[in-house]
Amino acid sequence: MVGHNEYARKRARMLAEMGYAALAVDMYGEGKQAMHPDDAGKFSSELMKNFDTAKARFIAAMEFLKKQPTVDPGRIAAIGYCLAEDCAEYGTAGIDLKGVASFHGGLNAVKPAQQGG
């Protein structure tokens, strides 16, 4: 993924055109965009070194989405494009999502969810 760019916004618009509430999230932060695969690797590596910040960023976006009048908070899913630690990772990090999909991303749990007791 190159960051929160026009492609990410286009994908969100495509979902909206199909009737879904959609939100493109700036997971790198500060509007960073990678124009070269080396930059993408650097940005994603930085993101995973501070997974708690990445997770908080994702949760903040999800909480914003839940407050929208067209959103059923119990039916939120995530789609990740290319970022190896994309939002599909959050499905394994204890975040309550209805589903996850990863396109060209990884599915390894950075911090696996803990079983409740």
C-alpha atoms as a PDB file:
ATOM      1  CA  MET A   1       0.000   0.000   0.000  1.00  0.00           C
ATOM      2  CA  VAL A   2       1.238   3.450  -0.726  1.00  0.00           C
ATOM      3  CA  GLY A   3      -0.699   5.137   2.060  1.00  0.00           C
ATOM      4  CA  HIS A   4      -3.948   7.039   2.229  1.00  0.00           C
ATOM      5  CA  ASN A   5      -4.058   8.059  -1.394  1.00  0.00           C
ATOM      6  CA  GLU A   6      -6.591   8.363  -4.197  1.00  0.00           C
ATOM      7  CA  TYR A   7      -6.592   4.586  -4.729  1.00  0.00           C
ATOM      8  CA  ALA A   8      -7.687   3.968  -1.124  1.00  0.00           C
ATOM      9  CA  ARG A   9     -10.370   6.640  -1.427  1.00  0.00           C
ATOM     10  CA  LYS A  10     -11.511   5.149  -4.763  1.00  0.00           C
ATOM     11  CA  ARG A  11     -11.954   1.747  -3.143  1.00  0.00           C
ATOM     12  CA  ALA A  12     -13.992   3.314  -0.322  1.00  0.00           C
ATOM     13  CA  ARG A  13     -16.163   5.110  -2.895  1.00  0.00           C
ATOM     14  CA  MET A  14     -16.685   1.837  -4.780  1.00  0.00           C
ATOM     15  CA  LEU A  15     -17.934   0.178  -1.588  1.00  0.00           C
ATOM     16  CA  ALA A  16     -20.192   3.170  -0.887  1.00  0.00           C
ATOM     17  CA  GLU A  17     -21.646   2.896  -4.392  1.00  0.00           C
ATOM     18  CA  MET A  18     -22.611  -0.689  -3.527  1.00  0.00           C
ATOM     19  CA  GLY A  19     -24.493   0.547  -0.463  1.00  0.00           C
ATOM     20  CA  TYR A  20     -21.878   0.054   2.241  1.00  0.00           C
ATOM     21  CA  ALA A  21     -20.666   2.702   4.652  1.00  0.00           C
ATOM     22  CA  ALA A  22     -16.939   2.891   3.915  1.00  0.00           C
ATOM     23  CA  LEU A  23     -13.959   4.696   5.381  1.00  0.00           C
ATOM     24  CA  ALA A  24     -10.401   4.860   4.039  1.00  0.00           C
ATOM     25  CA  VAL A  25      -7.971   5.052   6.958  1.00  0.00           C
ATOM     26  CA  ASP A  26      -4.519   6.651   7.031  1.00  0.00           C
ATOM     27  CA  MET A  27      -2.723   3.793   8.780  1.00  0.00           C
ATOM     28  CA  TYR A  28       0.785   5.173   8.162  1.00  0.00           C
ATOM     29  CA  GLY A  29      -0.251   8.437   9.807  1.00  0.00           C
ATOM     30  CA  GLU A  30       0.550  12.031   8.941  1.00  0.00           C
ATOM     31  CA  GLY A  31      -0.526  11.477   5.338  1.00  0.00           C
ATOM     32  CA  LYS A  32       2.649   9.540   4.492  1.00  0.00           C
ATOM     33  CA  GLN A  33       2.638   8.039   1.011  1.00  0.00           C
ATOM     34  CA  ALA A  34       5.184   5.597  -0.335  1.00  0.00           C
ATOM     35  CA  MET A  35       6.135   6.187  -3.938  1.00  0.00           C
ATOM     36  CA  HIS A  36       8.606   3.289  -3.989  1.00  0.00           C
ATOM     37  CA  PRO A  37       8.374  -0.245  -2.519  1.00  0.00           C
ATOM     38  CA  ASP A  38      11.364   0.534  -0.260  1.00  0.00           C
ATOM     39  CA  ASP A  39       9.412   3.408   1.289  1.00  0.00           C
ATOM     40  CA  ALA A  40       6.362   1.189   1.749  1.00  0.00           C
ATOM     41  CA  GLY A  41       8.522  -1.369   3.521  1.00  0.00           C
ATOM     42  CA  LYS A  42      10.029   1.296   5.766  1.00  0.00           C
ATOM     43  CA  PHE A  43       6.657   2.805   6.663  1.00  0.00           C
ATOM     44  CA  SER A  44       5.004  -0.548   7.330  1.00  0.00           C
ATOM     45  CA  SER A  45       7.995  -1.691   9.387  1.00  0.00           C
ATOM     46  CA  GLU A  46       7.771   1.470  11.498  1.00  0.00           C
ATOM     47  CA  LEU A  47       4.063   0.876  11.929  1.00  0.00           C
ATOM     48  CA  MET A  48       4.554  -2.674  13.173  1.00  0.00           C
ATOM     49  CA  LYS A  49       7.292  -1.654  15.593  1.00  0.00           C
ATOM     50  CA  ASN A  50       4.604   0.379  17.313  1.00  0.00           C
ATOM     51  CA  PHE A  51       1.647  -1.944  16.877  1.00  0.00           C
ATOM     52  CA  ASP A  52      -0.223  -0.383  19.801  1.00  0.00           C
ATOM     53  CA  THR A  53      -0.276   2.967  17.981  1.00  0.00           C
ATOM     54  CA  ALA A  54      -1.413   1.287  14.776  1.00  0.00           C
ATOM     55  CA  LYS A  55      -4.128  -0.573  16.654  1.00  0.00           C
ATOM     56  CA  ALA A  56      -5.263   2.648  18.369  1.00  0.00           C
ATOM     57  CA  ARG A  57      -5.402   4.385  14.978  1.00  0.00           C
ATOM     58  CA  PHE A  58      -7.545   1.571  13.604  1.00  0.00           C
ATOM     59  CA  ILE A  59      -9.846   1.542  16.645  1.00  0.00           C
ATOM     60  CA  ALA A  60     -10.310   5.331  16.463  1.00  0.00           C
ATOM     61  CA  ALA A  61     -11.404   5.004  12.841  1.00  0.00           C
ATOM     62  CA  MET A  62     -13.722   2.141  13.724  1.00  0.00           C
ATOM     63  CA  GLU A  63     -15.283   4.107  16.599  1.00  0.00           C
ATOM     64  CA  PHE A  64     -15.861   7.047  14.238  1.00  0.00           C
ATOM     65  CA  LEU A  65     -17.523   4.717  11.749  1.00  0.00           C
ATOM     66  CA  LYS A  66     -19.763   3.211  14.456  1.00  0.00           C
ATOM     67  CA  LYS A  67     -21.191   6.668  15.193  1.00  0.00           C
ATOM     68  CA  GLN A  68     -22.422   7.184  11.636  1.00  0.00           C
ATOM     69  CA  PRO A  69     -26.213   6.920  11.300  1.00  0.00           C
ATOM     70  CA  THR A  70     -26.005   4.446   8.403  1.00  0.00           C
ATOM     71  CA  VAL A  71     -23.710   2.018  10.234  1.00  0.00           C
ATOM     72  CA  ASP A  72     -24.767  -1.046  12.205  1.00  0.00           C
ATOM     73  CA  PRO A  73     -21.982  -1.213  14.842  1.00  0.00           C
ATOM     74  CA  GLY A  74     -22.326  -4.992  15.061  1.00  0.00           C
ATOM     75  CA  ARG A  75     -21.651  -5.507  11.355  1.00  0.00           C
ATOM     76  CA  ILE A  76     -18.285  -3.831  10.753  1.00  0.00           C
ATOM     77  CA  ALA A  77     -15.695  -5.568   8.608  1.00  0.00           C
ATOM     78  CA  ALA A  78     -12.265  -4.521   7.396  1.00  0.00           C
ATOM     79  CA  ILE A  79     -10.522  -4.784   4.056  1.00  0.00           C
ATOM     80  CA  GLY A  80      -6.782  -4.318   3.734  1.00  0.00           C
ATOM     81  CA  TYR A  81      -4.855  -3.742   0.538  1.00  0.00           C
ATOM     82  CA  CYS A  82      -1.177  -4.639   0.184  1.00  0.00           C
ATOM     83  CA  LEU A  83       0.051  -3.553   3.609  1.00  0.00           C
ATOM     84  CA  ALA A  84       1.496  -6.763   5.054  1.00  0.00           C
ATOM     85  CA  GLU A  85       0.213  -5.867   8.491  1.00  0.00           C
ATOM     86  CA  ASP A  86      -3.027  -4.535   7.076  1.00  0.00           C
ATOM     87  CA  CYS A  87      -6.307  -4.308   8.871  1.00  0.00           C
ATOM     88  CA  ALA A  88      -6.775  -8.038   8.517  1.00  0.00           C
ATOM     89  CA  GLU A  89      -4.240  -8.263  11.346  1.00  0.00           C
ATOM     90  CA  TYR A  90      -6.701  -6.547  13.643  1.00  0.00           C
ATOM     91  CA  GLY A  91      -9.080  -9.444  13.252  1.00  0.00           C
ATOM     92  CA  THR A  92      -6.495 -11.473  15.163  1.00  0.00           C
ATOM     93  CA  ALA A  93      -5.719  -8.727  17.694  1.00  0.00           C
ATOM     94  CA  GLY A  94      -8.901  -8.890  19.734  1.00  0.00           C
ATOM     95  CA  ILE A  95     -10.823  -6.224  17.807  1.00  0.00           C
ATOM     96  CA  ASP A  96     -14.484  -7.109  17.334  1.00  0.00           C
ATOM     97  CA  LEU A  97     -14.953  -7.257  13.568  1.00  0.00           C
ATOM     98  CA  LYS A  98     -17.653  -9.102  11.653  1.00  0.00           C
ATOM     99  CA  GLY A  99     -15.116 -10.103   9.016  1.00  0.00           C
ATOM    100  CA  VAL A 100     -11.788  -9.261   7.443  1.00  0.00           C
ATOM    101  CA  ALA A 101     -10.367  -9.503   3.932  1.00  0.00           C
ATOM    102  CA  SER A 102      -6.775  -9.039   2.881  1.00  0.00           C
ATOM    103  CA  PHE A 103      -5.652  -8.323  -0.670  1.00  0.00           C
ATOM    104  CA  HIS A 104      -1.914  -8.938  -1.069  1.00  0.00           C
ATOM    105  CA  GLY A 105      -1.403  -8.603   2.678  1.00  0.00           C
ATOM    106  CA  GLY A 106      -0.219 -10.865   5.419  1.00  0.00           C
ATOM    107  CA  LEU A 107      -2.388 -12.831   7.798  1.00  0.00           C
ATOM    108  CA  ASN A 108       0.106 -13.371  10.588  1.00  0.00           C
ATOM    109  CA  ALA A 109      -0.990 -12.270  14.032  1.00  0.00           C
ATOM    110  CA  VAL A 110       1.362  -9.609  15.344  1.00  0.00           C
ATOM    111  CA  LYS A 111      -0.229  -9.828  18.768  1.00  0.00           C
ATOM    112  CA  PRO A 112      -2.673 -12.739  18.842  1.00  0.00           C
ATOM    113  CA  ALA A 113      -5.920 -12.185  20.699  1.00  0.00           C
ATOM    114  CA  GLN A 114      -5.988 -13.527  24.239  1.00  0.00           C
ATOM    115  CA  GLN A 115      -8.703 -15.985  25.112  1.00  0.00           C
ATOM    116  CA  GLY A 116     -11.144 -14.645  27.685  1.00  0.00           C
ATOM    117  CA  GLY A 117     -11.678 -16.495  30.879  1.00  0.00           C
END
